[in-house]
Amino acid sequence: MSKKVFVLSLIMKSRTRFMVVRKSDSGACSVKRVTKKEVVKPRKLSDVVKEVKKMRSQGKTVPEIASELKVSYVIVNQLVLRSYKMAVRTEEVFKRQEEMRLGLC
């Protein structure tokens, strides 16, 4: 070990050895206790389809249904129109969106 490195290491050790831990004046702590979230299972597409049909029969629009059920507009629109022209794989997209909504991915 060279002389410069040895002196530098001694200086660094001496600085950290004598530092005093100071407590804040307030009793408040910066660390918050985290509560566990309830484990919510993802919804099934078949259950959401029933809700979409029910809401649509009540006269609600596609954007209203999408916002209330927290599903993307594209999925609700495809379910309402039963459109086969869209290039969306409804089941896979819905599954992924549910995982994202619940924070499982």
Protein backbone atom coordinates (compact mmCIF):
# COMPACT_ATOMS: atom_id res chain seq x y z
CA MET A 1 0.00 0.00 0.00
CA SER A 2 1.47 3.33 -0.96
CA LYS A 3 1.97 6.09 1.59
CA LYS A 4 -0.66 8.40 0.01
CA VAL A 5 -3.35 5.73 0.00
CA PHE A 6 -2.55 4.76 3.60
CA VAL A 7 -2.78 8.36 4.81
CA LEU A 8 -6.01 8.89 2.88
CA SER A 9 -7.57 5.79 4.41
CA LEU A 10 -6.58 6.96 7.90
CA ILE A 11 -8.11 10.37 7.29
CA MET A 12 -11.37 8.82 6.00
CA LYS A 13 -11.60 6.44 8.94
CA SER A 14 -10.96 9.20 11.45
CA ARG A 15 -13.71 11.37 9.96
CA THR A 16 -16.36 8.71 10.15
CA ARG A 17 -15.39 7.36 13.55
CA PHE A 18 -16.18 10.46 15.56
CA MET A 19 -19.40 11.62 13.93
CA VAL A 20 -22.20 12.10 16.42
CA VAL A 21 -25.72 11.00 15.62
CA ARG A 22 -28.09 13.89 16.10
CA LYS A 23 -31.74 13.46 16.75
CA SER A 24 -34.23 15.91 15.38
CA ASP A 25 -36.04 18.24 17.74
CA SER A 26 -39.47 17.11 16.66
CA GLY A 27 -40.82 13.74 17.61
CA ALA A 28 -41.92 13.14 14.03
CA CYS A 29 -40.16 10.41 12.17
CA SER A 30 -39.39 10.57 8.48
CA VAL A 31 -40.05 6.85 8.09
CA LYS A 32 -43.69 5.94 7.76
CA ARG A 33 -45.17 2.59 8.65
CA VAL A 34 -46.50 0.84 5.59
CA THR A 35 -49.79 -0.94 5.92
CA LYS A 36 -50.39 -4.05 3.90
CA LYS A 37 -52.79 -3.68 1.04
CA GLU A 38 -55.64 -6.09 0.71
CA VAL A 39 -54.94 -8.73 -1.85
CA VAL A 40 -57.50 -8.24 -4.55
CA LYS A 41 -57.87 -10.88 -7.20
CA PRO A 42 -58.09 -9.80 -10.84
CA ARG A 43 -61.56 -9.73 -12.30
CA LYS A 44 -62.59 -12.18 -14.96
CA LEU A 45 -63.43 -10.94 -18.42
CA SER A 46 -66.77 -12.75 -18.35
CA ASP A 47 -67.82 -10.82 -15.24
CA VAL A 48 -66.79 -7.52 -16.81
CA VAL A 49 -68.70 -8.38 -20.01
CA LYS A 50 -71.87 -8.87 -17.95
CA GLU A 51 -71.36 -5.49 -16.28
CA VAL A 52 -70.73 -3.80 -19.65
CA LYS A 53 -73.95 -5.25 -21.09
CA LYS A 54 -75.91 -4.18 -18.02
CA MET A 55 -74.55 -0.63 -18.10
CA ARG A 56 -75.04 -0.37 -21.84
CA SER A 57 -78.70 -1.38 -21.48
CA GLN A 58 -79.06 1.43 -18.93
CA GLY A 59 -78.01 3.86 -21.69
CA LYS A 60 -74.49 4.70 -20.56
CA THR A 61 -71.87 5.58 -23.15
CA VAL A 62 -68.67 3.66 -23.78
CA PRO A 63 -66.39 6.28 -22.13
CA GLU A 64 -68.61 6.33 -19.02
CA ILE A 65 -68.54 2.53 -18.78
CA ALA A 66 -64.78 2.45 -19.28
CA SER A 67 -64.15 5.00 -16.53
CA GLU A 68 -66.55 3.36 -14.05
CA LEU A 69 -65.19 -0.16 -14.58
CA LYS A 70 -61.58 1.06 -14.90
CA VAL A 71 -61.11 -0.72 -18.21
CA SER A 72 -59.62 0.81 -21.33
CA TYR A 73 -61.91 2.40 -23.88
CA VAL A 74 -60.68 0.01 -26.58
CA ILE A 75 -61.73 -3.08 -24.64
CA VAL A 76 -65.19 -1.73 -23.79
CA ASN A 77 -65.74 -0.53 -27.36
CA GLN A 78 -64.79 -3.91 -28.75
CA LEU A 79 -67.16 -5.64 -26.33
CA VAL A 80 -70.04 -3.28 -27.15
CA LEU A 81 -69.60 -3.37 -30.91
CA ARG A 82 -68.46 -6.98 -31.05
CA SER A 83 -66.00 -5.75 -33.61
CA TYR A 84 -63.83 -8.32 -35.32
CA LYS A 85 -61.95 -5.69 -37.32
CA MET A 86 -59.93 -4.54 -34.32
CA ALA A 87 -56.52 -6.08 -33.96
CA VAL A 88 -56.71 -6.34 -30.17
CA ARG A 89 -56.58 -9.66 -28.41
CA THR A 90 -59.22 -8.75 -25.88
CA GLU A 91 -58.55 -11.48 -23.33
CA GLU A 92 -54.77 -10.96 -23.19
CA VAL A 93 -55.05 -7.17 -23.11
CA PHE A 94 -57.70 -7.29 -20.40
CA LYS A 95 -55.62 -9.67 -18.29
CA ARG A 96 -52.56 -7.42 -18.58
CA GLN A 97 -54.58 -4.29 -17.72
CA GLU A 98 -56.03 -5.99 -14.64
CA GLU A 99 -52.57 -6.90 -13.42
CA MET A 100 -51.42 -3.32 -13.97
CA ARG A 101 -54.52 -1.91 -12.26
CA LEU A 102 -53.91 -4.03 -9.19
CA GLY A 103 -50.16 -3.51 -9.21
CA LEU A 104 -49.39 -7.19 -9.62
CA CYS A 105 -46.89 -6.77 -12.43
